[in-house]
Amino acid sequence: MALLTFIKFEPSDGGTIIHARNMKGKPVTMETTHDYDKCQAGLFKINQGEFIQDALPFMSADEREFMLSGMTPEEWEALFPEQ
């Protein structure tokens, strides 16, 4: 169970901007095409104890990981390159 009190969503023309913090505490953002209200409802469920994959099933694994760690798929690839 993750309590994501540091996550903020911002509506954008194309969907929603996710505001998070990386492992160093630096603010980072990622833009998605998901509906803002749907994201907010999912975040509420997470903060009530629901697992992130259950609360936000419409988000990709990369988007959910960004919310948890603040790392983009490119950063993960650089850290853990495929052999």
PDB file of N, CA and C in Angstrom:
ATOM      1  N   MET A   1       0.850  -1.176   0.000  1.00  0.00           N
ATOM      2  CA  MET A   1       0.000   0.000   0.000  1.00  0.00           C
ATOM      3  C   MET A   1       0.893   1.235   0.000  1.00  0.00           C
ATOM      4  N   ALA A   2       0.675   2.108  -0.974  1.00  0.00           N
ATOM      5  CA  ALA A   2       1.481   3.332  -1.078  1.00  0.00           C
ATOM      6  C   ALA A   2       0.603   4.540  -0.792  1.00  0.00           C
ATOM      7  N   LEU A   3       1.089   5.419   0.048  1.00  0.00           N
ATOM      8  CA  LEU A   3       0.410   6.681   0.300  1.00  0.00           C
ATOM      9  C   LEU A   3       1.130   7.735  -0.528  1.00  0.00           C
ATOM     10  N   LEU A   4       0.482   8.222  -1.567  1.00  0.00           N
ATOM     11  CA  LEU A   4       1.124   9.115  -2.517  1.00  0.00           C
ATOM     12  C   LEU A   4       0.680  10.553  -2.291  1.00  0.00           C
ATOM     13  N   THR A   5       0.996  11.103  -1.145  1.00  0.00           N
ATOM     14  CA  THR A   5       0.574  12.463  -0.822  1.00  0.00           C
ATOM     15  C   THR A   5       1.383  13.506  -1.583  1.00  0.00           C
ATOM     16  N   PHE A   6       2.527  13.125  -2.137  1.00  0.00           N
ATOM     17  CA  PHE A   6       3.372  14.066  -2.864  1.00  0.00           C
ATOM     18  C   PHE A   6       3.021  14.129  -4.340  1.00  0.00           C
ATOM     19  N   ILE A   7       2.080  13.332  -4.802  1.00  0.00           N
ATOM     20  CA  ILE A   7       1.654  13.338  -6.201  1.00  0.00           C
ATOM     21  C   ILE A   7       0.576  14.396  -6.382  1.00  0.00           C
ATOM     22  N   LYS A   8       0.723  15.178  -7.426  1.00  0.00           N
ATOM     23  CA  LYS A   8      -0.303  16.158  -7.796  1.00  0.00           C
ATOM     24  C   LYS A   8      -0.622  15.979  -9.272  1.00  0.00           C
ATOM     25  N   PHE A   9      -1.878  16.136  -9.622  1.00  0.00           N
ATOM     26  CA  PHE A   9      -2.315  16.103 -11.012  1.00  0.00           C
ATOM     27  C   PHE A   9      -2.735  17.505 -11.421  1.00  0.00           C
ATOM     28  N   GLU A  10      -2.458  17.818 -12.675  1.00  0.00           N
ATOM     29  CA  GLU A  10      -2.847  19.107 -13.240  1.00  0.00           C
ATOM     30  C   GLU A  10      -3.521  18.840 -14.580  1.00  0.00           C
ATOM     31  N   PRO A  11      -4.718  19.381 -14.790  1.00  0.00           N
ATOM     32  CA  PRO A  11      -5.359  19.174 -16.090  1.00  0.00           C
ATOM     33  C   PRO A  11      -4.573  19.890 -17.188  1.00  0.00           C
ATOM     34  N   SER A  12      -4.545  19.269 -18.351  1.00  0.00           N
ATOM     35  CA  SER A  12      -3.905  19.889 -19.510  1.00  0.00           C
ATOM     36  C   SER A  12      -4.830  19.731 -20.709  1.00  0.00           C
ATOM     37  N   ASP A  13      -4.506  20.397 -21.784  1.00  0.00           N
ATOM     38  CA  ASP A  13      -5.345  20.322 -22.984  1.00  0.00           C
ATOM     39  C   ASP A  13      -5.484  18.892 -23.484  1.00  0.00           C
ATOM     40  N   GLY A  14      -4.394  18.119 -23.383  1.00  0.00           N
ATOM     41  CA  GLY A  14      -4.402  16.756 -23.898  1.00  0.00           C
ATOM     42  C   GLY A  14      -4.697  15.692 -22.870  1.00  0.00           C
ATOM     43  N   GLY A  15      -4.893  16.052 -21.608  1.00  0.00           N
ATOM     44  CA  GLY A  15      -5.151  15.057 -20.573  1.00  0.00           C
ATOM     45  C   GLY A  15      -4.769  15.542 -19.195  1.00  0.00           C
ATOM     46  N   THR A  16      -3.708  14.950 -18.634  1.00  0.00           N
ATOM     47  CA  THR A  16      -3.300  15.252 -17.268  1.00  0.00           C
ATOM     48  C   THR A  16      -1.779  15.272 -17.164  1.00  0.00           C
ATOM     49  N   ILE A  17      -1.263  16.222 -16.416  1.00  0.00           N
ATOM     50  CA  ILE A  17       0.163  16.265 -16.110  1.00  0.00           C
ATOM     51  C   ILE A  17       0.346  15.709 -14.703  1.00  0.00           C
ATOM     52  N   ILE A  18       1.259  14.747 -14.566  1.00  0.00           N
ATOM     53  CA  ILE A  18       1.574  14.162 -13.264  1.00  0.00           C
ATOM     54  C   ILE A  18       2.774  14.914 -12.697  1.00  0.00           C
ATOM     55  N   HIS A  19       2.634  15.433 -11.499  1.00  0.00           N
ATOM     56  CA  HIS A  19       3.740  16.071 -10.782  1.00  0.00           C
ATOM     57  C   HIS A  19       4.160  15.117  -9.674  1.00  0.00           C
ATOM     58  N   ALA A  20       5.433  14.746  -9.660  1.00  0.00           N
ATOM     59  CA  ALA A  20       5.953  13.821  -8.654  1.00  0.00           C
ATOM     60  C   ALA A  20       7.314  14.322  -8.186  1.00  0.00           C
ATOM     61  N   ARG A  21       7.978  13.528  -7.380  1.00  0.00           N
ATOM     62  CA  ARG A  21       9.349  13.817  -6.944  1.00  0.00           C
ATOM     63  C   ARG A  21      10.184  12.576  -7.205  1.00  0.00           C
ATOM     64  N   ASN A  22      11.417  12.795  -7.717  1.00  0.00           N
ATOM     65  CA  ASN A  22      12.284  11.654  -7.943  1.00  0.00           C
ATOM     66  C   ASN A  22      12.937  11.228  -6.641  1.00  0.00           C
ATOM     67  N   MET A  23      13.807  10.240  -6.710  1.00  0.00           N
ATOM     68  CA  MET A  23      14.432   9.697  -5.497  1.00  0.00           C
ATOM     69  C   MET A  23      15.304  10.719  -4.772  1.00  0.00           C
ATOM     70  N   LYS A  24      15.721  11.757  -5.470  1.00  0.00           N
ATOM     71  CA  LYS A  24      16.529  12.807  -4.850  1.00  0.00           C
ATOM     72  C   LYS A  24      15.668  13.947  -4.320  1.00  0.00           C
ATOM     73  N   GLY A  25      14.346  13.830  -4.478  1.00  0.00           N
ATOM     74  CA  GLY A  25      13.437  14.859  -4.007  1.00  0.00           C
ATOM     75  C   GLY A  25      13.197  15.978  -5.000  1.00  0.00           C
ATOM     76  N   LYS A  26      13.758  15.841  -6.197  1.00  0.00           N
ATOM     77  CA  LYS A  26      13.596  16.861  -7.239  1.00  0.00           C
ATOM     78  C   LYS A  26      12.219  16.725  -7.901  1.00  0.00           C
ATOM     79  N   PRO A  27      11.508  17.843  -8.085  1.00  0.00           N
ATOM     80  CA  PRO A  27      10.216  17.782  -8.771  1.00  0.00           C
ATOM     81  C   PRO A  27      10.383  17.359 -10.230  1.00  0.00           C
ATOM     82  N   VAL A  28       9.529  16.441 -10.675  1.00  0.00           N
ATOM     83  CA  VAL A  28       9.533  15.953 -12.057  1.00  0.00           C
ATOM     84  C   VAL A  28       8.090  15.886 -12.549  1.00  0.00           C
ATOM     85  N   THR A  29       7.912  15.931 -13.865  1.00  0.00           N
ATOM     86  CA  THR A  29       6.567  15.860 -14.440  1.00  0.00           C
ATOM     87  C   THR A  29       6.524  14.890 -15.609  1.00  0.00           C
ATOM     88  N   MET A  30       5.331  14.378 -15.861  1.00  0.00           N
ATOM     89  CA  MET A  30       5.068  13.522 -17.018  1.00  0.00           C
ATOM     90  C   MET A  30       3.664  13.856 -17.507  1.00  0.00           C
ATOM     91  N   GLU A  31       3.509  14.032 -18.801  1.00  0.00           N
ATOM     92  CA  GLU A  31       2.187  14.318 -19.352  1.00  0.00           C
ATOM     93  C   GLU A  31       1.552  13.031 -19.873  1.00  0.00           C
ATOM     94  N   THR A  32       0.260  12.872 -19.588  1.00  0.00           N
ATOM     95  CA  THR A  32      -0.497  11.706 -20.049  1.00  0.00           C
ATOM     96  C   THR A  32      -1.734  12.173 -20.805  1.00  0.00           C
ATOM     97  N   THR A  33      -2.397  11.244 -21.457  1.00  0.00           N
ATOM     98  CA  THR A  33      -3.629  11.555 -22.176  1.00  0.00           C
ATOM     99  C   THR A  33      -4.862  11.195 -21.354  1.00  0.00           C
ATOM    100  N   HIS A  34      -4.670  10.820 -20.107  1.00  0.00           N
ATOM    101  CA  HIS A  34      -5.782  10.373 -19.268  1.00  0.00           C
ATOM    102  C   HIS A  34      -6.584  11.545 -18.721  1.00  0.00           C
ATOM    103  N   ASP A  35      -7.859  11.293 -18.523  1.00  0.00           N
ATOM    104  CA  ASP A  35      -8.783  12.283 -17.991  1.00  0.00           C
ATOM    105  C   ASP A  35      -8.383  12.678 -16.565  1.00  0.00           C
ATOM    106  N   TYR A  36      -8.324  13.967 -16.310  1.00  0.00           N
ATOM    107  CA  TYR A  36      -7.914  14.506 -15.009  1.00  0.00           C
ATOM    108  C   TYR A  36      -8.773  13.970 -13.867  1.00  0.00           C
ATOM    109  N   ASP A  37     -10.096  14.011 -14.021  1.00  0.00           N
ATOM    110  CA  ASP A  37     -10.990  13.567 -12.944  1.00  0.00           C
ATOM    111  C   ASP A  37     -10.812  12.078 -12.649  1.00  0.00           C
ATOM    112  N   LYS A  38     -10.568  11.290 -13.685  1.00  0.00           N
ATOM    113  CA  LYS A  38     -10.333   9.858 -13.518  1.00  0.00           C
ATOM    114  C   LYS A  38      -9.031   9.620 -12.731  1.00  0.00           C
ATOM    115  N   CYS A  39      -7.997  10.414 -13.036  1.00  0.00           N
ATOM    116  CA  CYS A  39      -6.724  10.318 -12.310  1.00  0.00           C
ATOM    117  C   CYS A  39      -6.912  10.694 -10.841  1.00  0.00           C
ATOM    118  N   GLN A  40      -7.640  11.776 -10.597  1.00  0.00           N
ATOM    119  CA  GLN A  40      -7.890  12.221  -9.220  1.00  0.00           C
ATOM    120  C   GLN A  40      -8.633  11.147  -8.423  1.00  0.00           C
ATOM    121  N   ALA A  41      -9.622  10.538  -9.051  1.00  0.00           N
ATOM    122  CA  ALA A  41     -10.388   9.486  -8.377  1.00  0.00           C
ATOM    123  C   ALA A  41      -9.484   8.302  -8.036  1.00  0.00           C
ATOM    124  N   GLY A  42      -8.577   7.953  -8.949  1.00  0.00           N
ATOM    125  CA  GLY A  42      -7.638   6.864  -8.696  1.00  0.00           C
ATOM    126  C   GLY A  42      -6.679   7.197  -7.569  1.00  0.00           C
ATOM    127  N   LEU A  43      -6.197   8.428  -7.529  1.00  0.00           N
ATOM    128  CA  LEU A  43      -5.284   8.847  -6.463  1.00  0.00           C
ATOM    129  C   LEU A  43      -5.979   8.784  -5.105  1.00  0.00           C
ATOM    130  N   PHE A  44      -7.238   9.169  -5.062  1.00  0.00           N
ATOM    131  CA  PHE A  44      -8.002   9.070  -3.814  1.00  0.00           C
ATOM    132  C   PHE A  44      -8.052   7.616  -3.343  1.00  0.00           C
ATOM    133  N   LYS A  45      -8.311   6.688  -4.280  1.00  0.00           N
ATOM    134  CA  LYS A  45      -8.371   5.265  -3.931  1.00  0.00           C
ATOM    135  C   LYS A  45      -7.031   4.771  -3.381  1.00  0.00           C
ATOM    136  N   ILE A  46      -5.942   5.223  -3.988  1.00  0.00           N
ATOM    137  CA  ILE A  46      -4.604   4.820  -3.515  1.00  0.00           C
ATOM    138  C   ILE A  46      -4.400   5.295  -2.085  1.00  0.00           C
ATOM    139  N   ASN A  47      -4.747   6.529  -1.828  1.00  0.00           N
ATOM    140  CA  ASN A  47      -4.563   7.086  -0.494  1.00  0.00           C
ATOM    141  C   ASN A  47      -5.532   6.497   0.531  1.00  0.00           C
ATOM    142  N   GLN A  48      -6.525   5.751   0.052  1.00  0.00           N
ATOM    143  CA  GLN A  48      -7.430   5.020   0.939  1.00  0.00           C
ATOM    144  C   GLN A  48      -6.966   3.576   1.136  1.00  0.00           C
ATOM    145  N   GLY A  49      -5.853   3.194   0.475  1.00  0.00           N
ATOM    146  CA  GLY A  49      -5.284   1.867   0.686  1.00  0.00           C
ATOM    147  C   GLY A  49      -5.315   0.928  -0.490  1.00  0.00           C
ATOM    148  N   GLU A  50      -5.892   1.338  -1.610  1.00  0.00           N
ATOM    149  CA  GLU A  50      -5.951   0.455  -2.777  1.00  0.00           C
ATOM    150  C   GLU A  50      -4.592   0.425  -3.473  1.00  0.00           C
ATOM    151  N   PHE A  51      -4.236  -0.719  -4.047  1.00  0.00           N
ATOM    152  CA  PHE A  51      -2.991  -0.832  -4.797  1.00  0.00           C
ATOM    153  C   PHE A  51      -3.048   0.046  -6.040  1.00  0.00           C
ATOM    154  N   ILE A  52      -1.913   0.612  -6.408  1.00  0.00           N
ATOM    155  CA  ILE A  52      -1.857   1.553  -7.528  1.00  0.00           C
ATOM    156  C   ILE A  52      -2.352   0.916  -8.824  1.00  0.00           C
ATOM    157  N   GLN A  53      -2.007  -0.351  -9.073  1.00  0.00           N
ATOM    158  CA  GLN A  53      -2.431  -1.007 -10.315  1.00  0.00           C
ATOM    159  C   GLN A  53      -3.940  -1.250 -10.345  1.00  0.00           C
ATOM    160  N   ASP A  54      -4.558  -1.342  -9.178  1.00  0.00           N
ATOM    161  CA  ASP A  54      -6.011  -1.517  -9.115  1.00  0.00           C
ATOM    162  C   ASP A  54      -6.736  -0.173  -9.195  1.00  0.00           C
ATOM    163  N   ALA A  55      -6.145   0.856  -8.607  1.00  0.00           N
ATOM    164  CA  ALA A  55      -6.767   2.179  -8.587  1.00  0.00           C
ATOM    165  C   ALA A  55      -6.625   2.907  -9.920  1.00  0.00           C
ATOM    166  N   LEU A  56      -5.549   2.624 -10.639  1.00  0.00           N
ATOM    167  CA  LEU A  56      -5.282   3.298 -11.920  1.00  0.00           C
ATOM    168  C   LEU A  56      -4.994   2.272 -13.018  1.00  0.00           C
ATOM    169  N   PRO A  57      -5.943   1.356 -13.291  1.00  0.00           N
ATOM    170  CA  PRO A  57      -5.680   0.296 -14.278  1.00  0.00           C
ATOM    171  C   PRO A  57      -5.533   0.823 -15.708  1.00  0.00           C
ATOM    172  N   PHE A  58      -6.040   2.010 -15.969  1.00  0.00           N
ATOM    173  CA  PHE A  58      -5.966   2.603 -17.305  1.00  0.00           C
ATOM    174  C   PHE A  58      -4.581   3.198 -17.593  1.00  0.00           C
ATOM    175  N   MET A  59      -3.768   3.384 -16.564  1.00  0.00           N
ATOM    176  CA  MET A  59      -2.412   3.913 -16.757  1.00  0.00           C
ATOM    177  C   MET A  59      -1.467   2.772 -17.109  1.00  0.00           C
ATOM    178  N   SER A  60      -0.427   3.100 -17.849  1.00  0.00           N
ATOM    179  CA  SER A  60       0.581   2.098 -18.180  1.00  0.00           C
ATOM    180  C   SER A  60       1.447   1.820 -16.954  1.00  0.00           C
ATOM    181  N   ALA A  61       2.159   0.715 -16.985  1.00  0.00           N
ATOM    182  CA  ALA A  61       3.088   0.385 -15.898  1.00  0.00           C
ATOM    183  C   ALA A  61       4.137   1.485 -15.773  1.00  0.00           C
ATOM    184  N   ASP A  62       4.584   2.048 -16.896  1.00  0.00           N
ATOM    185  CA  ASP A  62       5.574   3.131 -16.866  1.00  0.00           C
ATOM    186  C   ASP A  62       5.033   4.372 -16.160  1.00  0.00           C
ATOM    187  N   GLU A  63       3.770   4.708 -16.410  1.00  0.00           N
ATOM    188  CA  GLU A  63       3.168   5.876 -15.759  1.00  0.00           C
ATOM    189  C   GLU A  63       3.018   5.653 -14.260  1.00  0.00           C
ATOM    190  N   ARG A  64       2.594   4.451 -13.884  1.00  0.00           N
ATOM    191  CA  ARG A  64       2.454   4.153 -12.454  1.00  0.00           C
ATOM    192  C   ARG A  64       3.811   4.138 -11.769  1.00  0.00           C
ATOM    193  N   GLU A  65       4.818   3.593 -12.432  1.00  0.00           N
ATOM    194  CA  GLU A  65       6.164   3.586 -11.854  1.00  0.00           C
ATOM    195  C   GLU A  65       6.685   5.006 -11.686  1.00  0.00           C
ATOM    196  N   PHE A  66       6.383   5.877 -12.634  1.00  0.00           N
ATOM    197  CA  PHE A  66       6.784   7.278 -12.526  1.00  0.00           C
ATOM    198  C   PHE A  66       6.187   7.900 -11.270  1.00  0.00           C
ATOM    199  N   MET A  67       4.932   7.579 -10.990  1.00  0.00           N
ATOM    200  CA  MET A  67       4.289   8.120  -9.790  1.00  0.00           C
ATOM    201  C   MET A  67       4.971   7.623  -8.520  1.00  0.00           C
ATOM    202  N   LEU A  68       5.442   6.386  -8.522  1.00  0.00           N
ATOM    203  CA  LEU A  68       6.066   5.801  -7.337  1.00  0.00           C
ATOM    204  C   LEU A  68       7.511   6.243  -7.143  1.00  0.00           C
ATOM    205  N   SER A  69       8.262   6.332  -8.247  1.00  0.00           N
ATOM    206  CA  SER A  69       9.701   6.586  -8.131  1.00  0.00           C
ATOM    207  C   SER A  69      10.156   7.907  -8.732  1.00  0.00           C
ATOM    208  N   GLY A  70       9.331   8.491  -9.599  1.00  0.00           N
ATOM    209  CA  GLY A  70       9.750   9.706 -10.293  1.00  0.00           C
ATOM    210  C   GLY A  70      10.684   9.437 -11.453  1.00  0.00           C
ATOM    211  N   MET A  71      10.840   8.166 -11.822  1.00  0.00           N
ATOM    212  CA  MET A  71      11.753   7.801 -12.905  1.00  0.00           C
ATOM    213  C   MET A  71      10.985   7.536 -14.197  1.00  0.00           C
ATOM    214  N   THR A  72      11.515   8.070 -15.298  1.00  0.00           N
ATOM    215  CA  THR A  72      10.928   7.835 -16.618  1.00  0.00           C
ATOM    216  C   THR A  72      11.397   6.482 -17.151  1.00  0.00           C
ATOM    217  N   PRO A  73      10.723   5.955 -18.179  1.00  0.00           N
ATOM    218  CA  PRO A  73      11.180   4.698 -18.784  1.00  0.00           C
ATOM    219  C   PRO A  73      12.631   4.799 -19.286  1.00  0.00           C
ATOM    220  N   GLU A  74      13.011   5.951 -19.793  1.00  0.00           N
ATOM    221  CA  GLU A  74      14.379   6.142 -20.291  1.00  0.00           C
ATOM    222  C   GLU A  74      15.400   6.051 -19.151  1.00  0.00           C
ATOM    223  N   GLU A  75      15.041   6.606 -18.007  1.00  0.00           N
ATOM    224  CA  GLU A  75      15.932   6.529 -16.846  1.00  0.00           C
ATOM    225  C   GLU A  75      16.063   5.092 -16.337  1.00  0.00           C
ATOM    226  N   TRP A  76      14.963   4.343 -16.364  1.00  0.00           N
ATOM    227  CA  TRP A  76      15.023   2.933 -15.968  1.00  0.00           C
ATOM    228  C   TRP A  76      15.926   2.159 -16.914  1.00  0.00           C
ATOM    229  N   GLU A  77      15.786   2.415 -18.198  1.00  0.00           N
ATOM    230  CA  GLU A  77      16.591   1.717 -19.204  1.00  0.00           C
ATOM    231  C   GLU A  77      18.071   2.023 -19.021  1.00  0.00           C
ATOM    232  N   ALA A  78      18.390   3.252 -18.726  1.00  0.00           N
ATOM    233  CA  ALA A  78      19.788   3.640 -18.507  1.00  0.00           C
ATOM    234  C   ALA A  78      20.346   2.964 -17.251  1.00  0.00           C
ATOM    235  N   LEU A  79      19.521   2.819 -16.230  1.00  0.00           N
ATOM    236  CA  LEU A  79      19.951   2.208 -14.986  1.00  0.00           C
ATOM    237  C   LEU A  79      20.045   0.692 -15.087  1.00  0.00           C
ATOM    238  N   PHE A  80      19.094   0.088 -15.805  1.00  0.00           N
ATOM    239  CA  PHE A  80      19.024  -1.369 -15.942  1.00  0.00           C
ATOM    240  C   PHE A  80      18.918  -1.752 -17.416  1.00  0.00           C
ATOM    241  N   PRO A  81      20.009  -1.593 -18.177  1.00  0.00           N
ATOM    242  CA  PRO A  81      19.941  -1.932 -19.614  1.00  0.00           C
ATOM    243  C   PRO A  81      19.721  -3.431 -19.828  1.00  0.00           C
ATOM    244  N   GLU A  82      18.984  -3.739 -20.881  1.00  0.00           N
ATOM    245  CA  GLU A  82      18.765  -5.148 -21.219  1.00  0.00           C
ATOM    246  C   GLU A  82      20.066  -5.733 -21.743  1.00  0.00           C
ATOM    247  N   GLN A  83      20.322  -6.968 -21.366  1.00  0.00           N
ATOM    248  CA  GLN A  83      21.565  -7.628 -21.792  1.00  0.00           C
ATOM    249  C   GLN A  83      21.411  -8.223 -23.164  1.00  0.00           C
TER     250      GLN A  83
END
